N, C-alpha and C. Protein backbone atom coordinates (compact mmCIF):
# COMPACT_ATOMS: atom_id res chain seq x y z
N MET A 1 269.27 -137.59 109.96
CA MET A 1 268.62 -138.75 110.50
C MET A 1 267.11 -138.50 110.48
N SER A 2 266.36 -139.42 109.92
CA SER A 2 264.92 -139.23 109.82
C SER A 2 264.16 -139.75 111.03
N HIS A 3 264.68 -140.79 111.69
CA HIS A 3 263.99 -141.31 112.86
C HIS A 3 264.99 -142.07 113.74
N ALA A 4 264.89 -141.85 115.04
CA ALA A 4 265.68 -142.59 116.01
C ALA A 4 264.92 -142.59 117.33
N SER A 5 265.14 -143.62 118.15
CA SER A 5 264.51 -143.64 119.46
C SER A 5 265.36 -144.45 120.43
N GLY A 6 265.13 -144.21 121.70
CA GLY A 6 265.84 -144.94 122.75
C GLY A 6 264.99 -145.04 123.99
N ASN A 7 265.16 -146.11 124.76
CA ASN A 7 264.45 -146.31 126.02
C ASN A 7 265.41 -146.06 127.17
N PHE A 8 264.88 -145.41 128.23
CA PHE A 8 265.69 -145.06 129.37
C PHE A 8 264.92 -145.31 130.66
N PRO A 9 265.59 -145.76 131.71
CA PRO A 9 264.90 -145.95 133.00
C PRO A 9 264.45 -144.60 133.55
N THR A 10 263.49 -144.64 134.45
CA THR A 10 262.97 -143.41 135.05
C THR A 10 262.96 -143.51 136.57
N ASP A 11 263.26 -142.40 137.21
CA ASP A 11 263.13 -142.30 138.66
C ASP A 11 261.79 -141.71 139.06
N ALA A 12 260.99 -141.31 138.08
CA ALA A 12 259.71 -140.66 138.33
C ALA A 12 258.64 -141.63 138.83
N VAL A 13 258.88 -142.93 138.66
CA VAL A 13 257.90 -143.95 139.02
C VAL A 13 258.61 -145.00 139.87
N GLN A 14 257.99 -145.37 141.01
CA GLN A 14 258.56 -146.43 141.85
C GLN A 14 258.25 -147.79 141.25
N THR A 15 259.28 -148.62 141.15
CA THR A 15 259.06 -149.99 140.68
C THR A 15 259.29 -150.96 141.83
N ASP A 16 258.65 -152.11 141.73
CA ASP A 16 258.73 -153.12 142.78
C ASP A 16 258.84 -154.49 142.09
N ASP A 17 259.96 -155.17 142.28
CA ASP A 17 260.17 -156.49 141.66
C ASP A 17 259.16 -157.52 142.13
N SER A 18 258.55 -157.30 143.30
CA SER A 18 257.57 -158.25 143.82
C SER A 18 256.15 -157.67 143.74
N TYR A 19 255.90 -156.86 142.71
CA TYR A 19 254.59 -156.23 142.52
C TYR A 19 253.48 -157.29 142.52
N LYS A 20 252.40 -157.00 143.26
CA LYS A 20 251.20 -157.85 143.28
C LYS A 20 250.05 -157.04 142.70
N SER A 21 249.35 -157.60 141.76
CA SER A 21 248.30 -156.89 141.04
C SER A 21 247.24 -156.34 141.98
N ASP A 22 246.91 -155.07 141.75
CA ASP A 22 245.80 -154.46 142.48
C ASP A 22 244.82 -153.78 141.52
N TRP A 23 244.91 -154.13 140.23
CA TRP A 23 244.02 -153.61 139.20
C TRP A 23 242.89 -154.59 138.92
N THR A 24 241.67 -154.06 138.79
CA THR A 24 240.54 -154.87 138.30
C THR A 24 240.19 -154.38 136.90
N LYS A 25 239.45 -155.18 136.17
CA LYS A 25 239.03 -154.78 134.83
C LYS A 25 238.17 -153.52 134.89
N GLU A 26 237.33 -153.41 135.90
CA GLU A 26 236.47 -152.24 136.04
C GLU A 26 237.30 -150.96 136.25
N GLN A 27 238.35 -151.06 137.05
CA GLN A 27 239.22 -149.90 137.27
C GLN A 27 239.93 -149.51 135.98
N PHE A 28 240.42 -150.50 135.25
CA PHE A 28 241.09 -150.22 133.98
C PHE A 28 240.12 -149.59 132.98
N ASP A 29 238.92 -150.16 132.86
CA ASP A 29 237.93 -149.65 131.92
C ASP A 29 237.48 -148.23 132.26
N ALA A 30 237.61 -147.82 133.51
CA ALA A 30 237.20 -146.48 133.94
C ALA A 30 238.21 -145.39 133.57
N LEU A 31 239.40 -145.77 133.10
CA LEU A 31 240.40 -144.78 132.72
C LEU A 31 239.93 -144.00 131.50
N ASN A 32 240.25 -142.72 131.46
CA ASN A 32 239.96 -141.91 130.28
C ASN A 32 241.13 -142.03 129.32
N LYS A 33 240.82 -142.34 128.10
CA LYS A 33 241.86 -142.51 127.08
C LYS A 33 241.97 -141.25 126.25
N GLY A 34 243.17 -140.70 126.17
CA GLY A 34 243.41 -139.55 125.31
C GLY A 34 243.55 -140.01 123.87
N ASP A 35 243.50 -139.06 122.96
CA ASP A 35 243.76 -139.39 121.56
C ASP A 35 244.59 -138.27 120.94
N TYR A 36 245.01 -138.48 119.72
CA TYR A 36 245.90 -137.53 119.07
C TYR A 36 245.26 -136.16 118.88
N SER A 37 243.95 -136.11 118.68
CA SER A 37 243.30 -134.81 118.48
C SER A 37 243.15 -134.04 119.78
N ASN A 38 243.05 -134.75 120.91
CA ASN A 38 242.92 -134.09 122.20
C ASN A 38 243.51 -134.98 123.29
N PRO A 39 244.84 -135.03 123.42
CA PRO A 39 245.46 -135.91 124.40
C PRO A 39 245.15 -135.54 125.84
N SER A 40 244.71 -134.31 126.09
CA SER A 40 244.41 -133.90 127.46
C SER A 40 243.18 -134.61 128.02
N ASN A 41 242.43 -135.31 127.18
CA ASN A 41 241.28 -136.08 127.65
C ASN A 41 241.68 -137.29 128.48
N GLY A 42 242.92 -137.75 128.34
CA GLY A 42 243.36 -138.97 129.01
C GLY A 42 243.63 -138.78 130.49
N THR A 43 243.55 -139.88 131.23
CA THR A 43 243.89 -139.88 132.65
C THR A 43 245.36 -139.51 132.79
N LYS A 44 245.67 -138.65 133.72
CA LYS A 44 247.04 -138.17 133.93
C LYS A 44 247.85 -139.18 134.75
N LEU A 45 249.14 -139.22 134.51
CA LEU A 45 250.04 -140.11 135.24
C LEU A 45 249.93 -139.89 136.73
N GLU A 46 249.91 -138.64 137.18
CA GLU A 46 249.87 -138.39 138.63
C GLU A 46 248.63 -139.00 139.28
N GLY A 47 247.51 -139.04 138.56
CA GLY A 47 246.30 -139.68 139.08
C GLY A 47 246.47 -141.19 139.21
N ILE A 48 247.12 -141.79 138.22
CA ILE A 48 247.39 -143.23 138.26
C ILE A 48 248.29 -143.56 139.44
N LEU A 49 249.38 -142.79 139.58
CA LEU A 49 250.36 -143.09 140.64
C LEU A 49 249.80 -142.82 142.03
N LYS A 50 248.80 -141.97 142.13
CA LYS A 50 248.15 -141.73 143.42
C LYS A 50 247.44 -143.00 143.89
N ASP A 51 246.76 -143.67 142.95
CA ASP A 51 246.01 -144.88 143.29
C ASP A 51 246.84 -146.16 143.17
N TYR A 52 247.84 -146.16 142.30
CA TYR A 52 248.67 -147.35 142.04
C TYR A 52 250.14 -146.93 142.03
N PRO A 53 250.71 -146.62 143.18
CA PRO A 53 252.04 -145.99 143.23
C PRO A 53 253.21 -146.89 142.82
N LYS A 54 253.10 -148.19 143.02
CA LYS A 54 254.21 -149.08 142.68
C LYS A 54 253.88 -149.89 141.45
N THR A 55 254.82 -149.91 140.52
CA THR A 55 254.65 -150.62 139.26
C THR A 55 255.66 -151.76 139.18
N SER A 56 255.52 -152.61 138.20
CA SER A 56 256.53 -153.65 138.01
C SER A 56 257.69 -153.12 137.16
N ASP A 57 257.41 -152.10 136.32
CA ASP A 57 258.47 -151.51 135.49
C ASP A 57 257.96 -150.22 134.89
N ALA A 58 258.89 -149.36 134.50
CA ALA A 58 258.54 -148.10 133.83
C ALA A 58 259.78 -147.60 133.09
N ASP A 59 259.56 -146.99 131.92
CA ASP A 59 260.69 -146.39 131.22
C ASP A 59 260.22 -145.28 130.28
N TYR A 60 261.16 -144.41 129.95
CA TYR A 60 260.94 -143.34 128.98
C TYR A 60 261.33 -143.83 127.60
N THR A 61 260.65 -143.33 126.60
CA THR A 61 261.09 -143.48 125.22
C THR A 61 261.21 -142.08 124.65
N ILE A 62 262.36 -141.76 124.13
CA ILE A 62 262.57 -140.48 123.48
C ILE A 62 262.86 -140.77 122.01
N SER A 63 262.09 -140.12 121.15
CA SER A 63 262.21 -140.36 119.71
C SER A 63 262.42 -139.04 118.98
N ILE A 64 263.15 -139.13 117.89
CA ILE A 64 263.24 -138.02 116.96
C ILE A 64 262.25 -138.34 115.86
N VAL A 65 261.23 -137.50 115.72
CA VAL A 65 260.21 -137.78 114.72
C VAL A 65 260.44 -136.99 113.43
N ARG A 66 261.03 -135.82 113.55
CA ARG A 66 261.46 -134.99 112.42
C ARG A 66 262.69 -134.24 112.88
N GLU A 67 263.40 -133.68 111.97
CA GLU A 67 264.60 -132.93 112.34
C GLU A 67 264.23 -131.88 113.39
N ASP A 68 264.96 -131.89 114.49
CA ASP A 68 264.78 -130.94 115.61
C ASP A 68 263.43 -131.08 116.31
N GLU A 69 262.73 -132.20 116.16
CA GLU A 69 261.47 -132.41 116.85
C GLU A 69 261.54 -133.74 117.61
N PHE A 70 261.41 -133.64 118.94
CA PHE A 70 261.51 -134.82 119.79
C PHE A 70 260.14 -135.17 120.35
N LYS A 71 259.94 -136.45 120.59
CA LYS A 71 258.72 -136.94 121.22
C LYS A 71 259.15 -137.74 122.44
N LYS A 72 258.54 -137.48 123.59
CA LYS A 72 258.88 -138.16 124.83
C LYS A 72 257.63 -138.87 125.35
N GLU A 73 257.76 -140.16 125.63
CA GLU A 73 256.66 -140.96 126.16
C GLU A 73 257.14 -141.69 127.41
N LEU A 74 256.20 -142.01 128.28
CA LEU A 74 256.50 -142.79 129.47
C LEU A 74 255.59 -144.01 129.44
N THR A 75 256.18 -145.18 129.55
CA THR A 75 255.41 -146.42 129.58
C THR A 75 255.48 -146.99 131.00
N VAL A 76 254.32 -147.35 131.52
CA VAL A 76 254.23 -147.90 132.87
C VAL A 76 253.63 -149.29 132.76
N PHE A 77 254.28 -150.26 133.39
CA PHE A 77 253.84 -151.66 133.35
C PHE A 77 253.44 -152.13 134.74
N TYR A 78 252.32 -152.81 134.82
CA TYR A 78 251.88 -153.49 136.03
C TYR A 78 251.72 -154.96 135.62
N ASN A 79 252.69 -155.80 135.95
CA ASN A 79 252.65 -157.21 135.55
C ASN A 79 252.69 -158.11 136.79
N ASP A 80 251.72 -159.00 136.90
CA ASP A 80 251.68 -160.01 137.95
C ASP A 80 251.01 -161.24 137.34
N PHE A 81 251.82 -162.14 136.79
CA PHE A 81 251.29 -163.28 136.07
C PHE A 81 250.68 -164.34 136.98
N LYS A 82 250.81 -164.16 138.29
CA LYS A 82 250.18 -165.06 139.26
C LYS A 82 249.13 -164.30 140.08
N SER A 83 248.46 -163.36 139.44
CA SER A 83 247.51 -162.50 140.15
C SER A 83 246.33 -163.30 140.70
N GLU A 84 245.73 -162.71 141.74
CA GLU A 84 244.55 -163.32 142.35
C GLU A 84 243.37 -163.22 141.39
N ASP A 85 242.30 -163.98 141.69
CA ASP A 85 241.08 -163.89 140.89
C ASP A 85 240.60 -162.45 140.89
N ARG A 86 240.03 -162.04 139.76
CA ARG A 86 239.48 -160.70 139.56
C ARG A 86 240.52 -159.59 139.48
N LYS A 87 241.80 -159.93 139.54
CA LYS A 87 242.86 -158.93 139.37
C LYS A 87 243.50 -159.18 138.01
N LEU A 88 243.84 -158.10 137.32
CA LEU A 88 244.45 -158.22 136.00
C LEU A 88 245.90 -158.67 136.09
N LYS A 89 246.30 -159.52 135.19
CA LYS A 89 247.68 -159.99 135.14
C LYS A 89 248.62 -158.92 134.59
N THR A 90 248.13 -158.15 133.62
CA THR A 90 248.96 -157.15 132.96
C THR A 90 248.15 -155.88 132.69
N VAL A 91 248.75 -154.75 133.05
CA VAL A 91 248.23 -153.44 132.67
C VAL A 91 249.42 -152.68 132.08
N TYR A 92 249.24 -152.16 130.89
CA TYR A 92 250.29 -151.46 130.16
C TYR A 92 249.73 -150.09 129.80
N LEU A 93 250.36 -149.03 130.30
CA LEU A 93 249.87 -147.68 130.06
C LEU A 93 250.96 -146.86 129.39
N LEU A 94 250.58 -146.11 128.38
CA LEU A 94 251.50 -145.26 127.64
C LEU A 94 251.05 -143.82 127.79
N PHE A 95 251.96 -142.95 128.22
CA PHE A 95 251.66 -141.55 128.43
C PHE A 95 252.52 -140.70 127.52
N ASP A 96 251.91 -139.73 126.85
CA ASP A 96 252.61 -138.72 126.08
C ASP A 96 252.84 -137.51 126.99
N THR A 97 253.81 -136.70 126.66
CA THR A 97 254.05 -135.49 127.42
C THR A 97 253.24 -134.33 126.87
N THR A 98 253.09 -133.34 127.73
CA THR A 98 252.54 -132.07 127.28
C THR A 98 253.66 -131.32 126.60
N GLU A 99 253.38 -130.15 126.09
CA GLU A 99 254.41 -129.40 125.38
C GLU A 99 255.57 -129.02 126.28
N ASP A 100 255.34 -128.87 127.60
CA ASP A 100 256.46 -128.54 128.50
C ASP A 100 257.38 -129.74 128.71
N GLY A 101 256.91 -130.94 128.33
CA GLY A 101 257.74 -132.13 128.40
C GLY A 101 257.84 -132.77 129.77
N ASP A 102 257.14 -132.22 130.78
CA ASP A 102 257.26 -132.75 132.13
C ASP A 102 255.96 -133.31 132.69
N THR A 103 254.85 -133.12 132.02
CA THR A 103 253.56 -133.61 132.51
C THR A 103 253.08 -134.70 131.57
N PHE A 104 252.76 -135.85 132.14
CA PHE A 104 252.30 -136.99 131.34
C PHE A 104 250.82 -137.24 131.57
């Protein structure tokens, strides 16, 4: 098999069906974005959850990228389509794991 992936729910992040947006554009723009050459530059999941502990949804994606090589990502969604003025309707964050597979 050359490529396969699946999405799975996570207990690592609290979700709330009645989530109300608490993100501003300035807060979102202040996040550090990692990149493929140095992913450790990005804001860590634990820092996000400290300031924004409840999300509207979150899930893991586990992919096989090459034979015997797995990639694990965590996607966190903050969706409030009826958000107040100055609050973002949608924030979508994607986190890669470190080599130990447990730190995003």
